[in-house]
């Protein structure tokens, strides 16, 4: 595991562009196997909740909404 000084960023602290980037990367890169095709727009809060569940020792995101896996950007 790569250790570095990382700034802990919460999803609700991101600006709108960073939130959209964070959600896009979460859906397309972090959990691409999930089925969001029939996902109702009203259930967007569940995607945000899932994002919070994935952030921890291995995964986190920065103030731009870019995801990191053990210190390496996932893009």
C-alpha atoms as a PDB file:
ATOM      1  CA  UNK A   1       0.000   0.000   0.000  1.00  0.00           C
ATOM      2  CA  UNK A   2       1.252   3.448  -0.882  1.00  0.00           C
ATOM      3  CA  UNK A   3       1.236   5.760   2.105  1.00  0.00           C
ATOM      4  CA  UNK A   4       1.097   9.494   1.548  1.00  0.00           C
ATOM      5  CA  UNK A   5      -0.333  12.540   3.217  1.00  0.00           C
ATOM      6  CA  UNK A   6      -3.815  12.758   1.822  1.00  0.00           C
ATOM      7  CA  UNK A   7      -6.431  15.364   2.492  1.00  0.00           C
ATOM      8  CA  UNK A   8      -9.669  13.716   3.577  1.00  0.00           C
ATOM      9  CA  UNK A   9     -12.421  15.072   1.334  1.00  0.00           C
ATOM     10  CA  UNK A  10     -16.103  14.415   1.917  1.00  0.00           C
ATOM     11  CA  UNK A  11     -18.512  14.187  -0.983  1.00  0.00           C
ATOM     12  CA  UNK A  12     -20.723  16.979   0.377  1.00  0.00           C
ATOM     13  CA  UNK A  13     -17.701  19.336   0.455  1.00  0.00           C
ATOM     14  CA  UNK A  14     -17.071  19.029  -3.299  1.00  0.00           C
ATOM     15  CA  UNK A  15     -18.290  21.652  -5.750  1.00  0.00           C
ATOM     16  CA  UNK A  16     -20.831  20.579  -8.396  1.00  0.00           C
ATOM     17  CA  UNK A  17     -18.227  19.764 -11.084  1.00  0.00           C
ATOM     18  CA  UNK A  18     -16.185  17.667  -8.661  1.00  0.00           C
ATOM     19  CA  UNK A  19     -19.350  15.829  -7.510  1.00  0.00           C
ATOM     20  CA  UNK A  20     -20.269  14.992 -11.097  1.00  0.00           C
ATOM     21  CA  UNK A  21     -16.707  13.836 -11.807  1.00  0.00           C
ATOM     22  CA  UNK A  22     -16.678  11.760  -8.627  1.00  0.00           C
ATOM     23  CA  UNK A  23     -19.998  10.071  -9.472  1.00  0.00           C
ATOM     24  CA  UNK A  24     -18.976   9.434 -13.093  1.00  0.00           C
ATOM     25  CA  UNK A  25     -15.735   7.762 -12.030  1.00  0.00           C
ATOM     26  CA  UNK A  26     -17.529   5.777  -9.334  1.00  0.00           C
ATOM     27  CA  UNK A  27     -20.108   4.447 -11.810  1.00  0.00           C
ATOM     28  CA  UNK A  28     -17.746   3.875 -14.762  1.00  0.00           C
ATOM     29  CA  UNK A  29     -14.489   2.858 -13.055  1.00  0.00           C
ATOM     30  CA  UNK A  30     -14.880   1.882  -9.395  1.00  0.00           C
ATOM     31  CA  UNK A  31     -18.017  -0.290  -9.722  1.00  0.00           C
ATOM     32  CA  UNK A  32     -18.624  -0.671 -13.469  1.00  0.00           C
ATOM     33  CA  UNK A  33     -20.384  -3.995 -12.954  1.00  0.00           C
ATOM     34  CA  UNK A  34     -23.360  -2.366 -11.184  1.00  0.00           C
ATOM     35  CA  UNK A  35     -26.531  -1.992 -13.247  1.00  0.00           C
ATOM     36  CA  UNK A  36     -27.510   1.675 -13.373  1.00  0.00           C
ATOM     37  CA  UNK A  37     -29.482   1.438 -16.642  1.00  0.00           C
ATOM     38  CA  UNK A  38     -32.887   1.376 -14.960  1.00  0.00           C
ATOM     39  CA  UNK A  39     -31.745   3.442 -12.009  1.00  0.00           C
ATOM     40  CA  UNK A  40     -34.385   6.096 -11.211  1.00  0.00           C
ATOM     41  CA  UNK A  41     -33.172   9.669 -11.003  1.00  0.00           C
ATOM     42  CA  UNK A  42     -34.767  10.004  -7.561  1.00  0.00           C
ATOM     43  CA  UNK A  43     -32.427   7.285  -6.269  1.00  0.00           C
ATOM     44  CA  UNK A  44     -29.296   9.329  -6.923  1.00  0.00           C
ATOM     45  CA  UNK A  45     -28.860   9.663  -3.154  1.00  0.00           C
ATOM     46  CA  UNK A  46     -28.128   5.903  -3.033  1.00  0.00           C
ATOM     47  CA  UNK A  47     -25.222   6.340  -5.451  1.00  0.00           C
ATOM     48  CA  UNK A  48     -23.884   9.064  -3.166  1.00  0.00           C
ATOM     49  CA  UNK A  49     -24.350   6.784  -0.158  1.00  0.00           C
ATOM     50  CA  UNK A  50     -22.453   4.014  -1.979  1.00  0.00           C
ATOM     51  CA  UNK A  51     -19.628   6.458  -2.688  1.00  0.00           C
ATOM     52  CA  UNK A  52     -19.320   7.125   1.034  1.00  0.00           C
ATOM     53  CA  UNK A  53     -19.173   3.398   1.752  1.00  0.00           C
ATOM     54  CA  UNK A  54     -16.286   2.875  -0.686  1.00  0.00           C
ATOM     55  CA  UNK A  55     -14.090   5.637   0.734  1.00  0.00           C
ATOM     56  CA  UNK A  56     -11.613   4.349   3.254  1.00  0.00           C
ATOM     57  CA  UNK A  57      -8.133   2.933   3.481  1.00  0.00           C
ATOM     58  CA  UNK A  58      -7.952   1.730  -0.133  1.00  0.00           C
ATOM     59  CA  UNK A  59     -10.170   4.170  -2.046  1.00  0.00           C
ATOM     60  CA  UNK A  60     -10.536   7.917  -1.636  1.00  0.00           C
ATOM     61  CA  UNK A  61     -11.039  10.957  -3.829  1.00  0.00           C
ATOM     62  CA  UNK A  62      -9.532  14.414  -3.952  1.00  0.00           C
ATOM     63  CA  UNK A  63     -11.072  17.895  -4.111  1.00  0.00           C
ATOM     64  CA  UNK A  64     -11.540  17.463  -7.894  1.00  0.00           C
ATOM     65  CA  UNK A  65     -13.500  14.243  -7.456  1.00  0.00           C
ATOM     66  CA  UNK A  66     -10.696  12.098  -8.910  1.00  0.00           C
ATOM     67  CA  UNK A  67     -10.508   8.637  -7.331  1.00  0.00           C
ATOM     68  CA  UNK A  68      -7.372   7.009  -5.951  1.00  0.00           C
ATOM     69  CA  UNK A  69      -6.707   3.327  -5.290  1.00  0.00           C
ATOM     70  CA  UNK A  70      -4.001   2.934  -2.645  1.00  0.00           C
ATOM     71  CA  UNK A  71      -2.542   6.313  -3.595  1.00  0.00           C
ATOM     72  CA  UNK A  72      -2.654   5.880  -7.382  1.00  0.00           C
ATOM     73  CA  UNK A  73      -5.153   7.791  -9.502  1.00  0.00           C
ATOM     74  CA  UNK A  74      -7.562   5.299 -11.107  1.00  0.00           C
ATOM     75  CA  UNK A  75      -8.124   7.103 -14.412  1.00  0.00           C
END
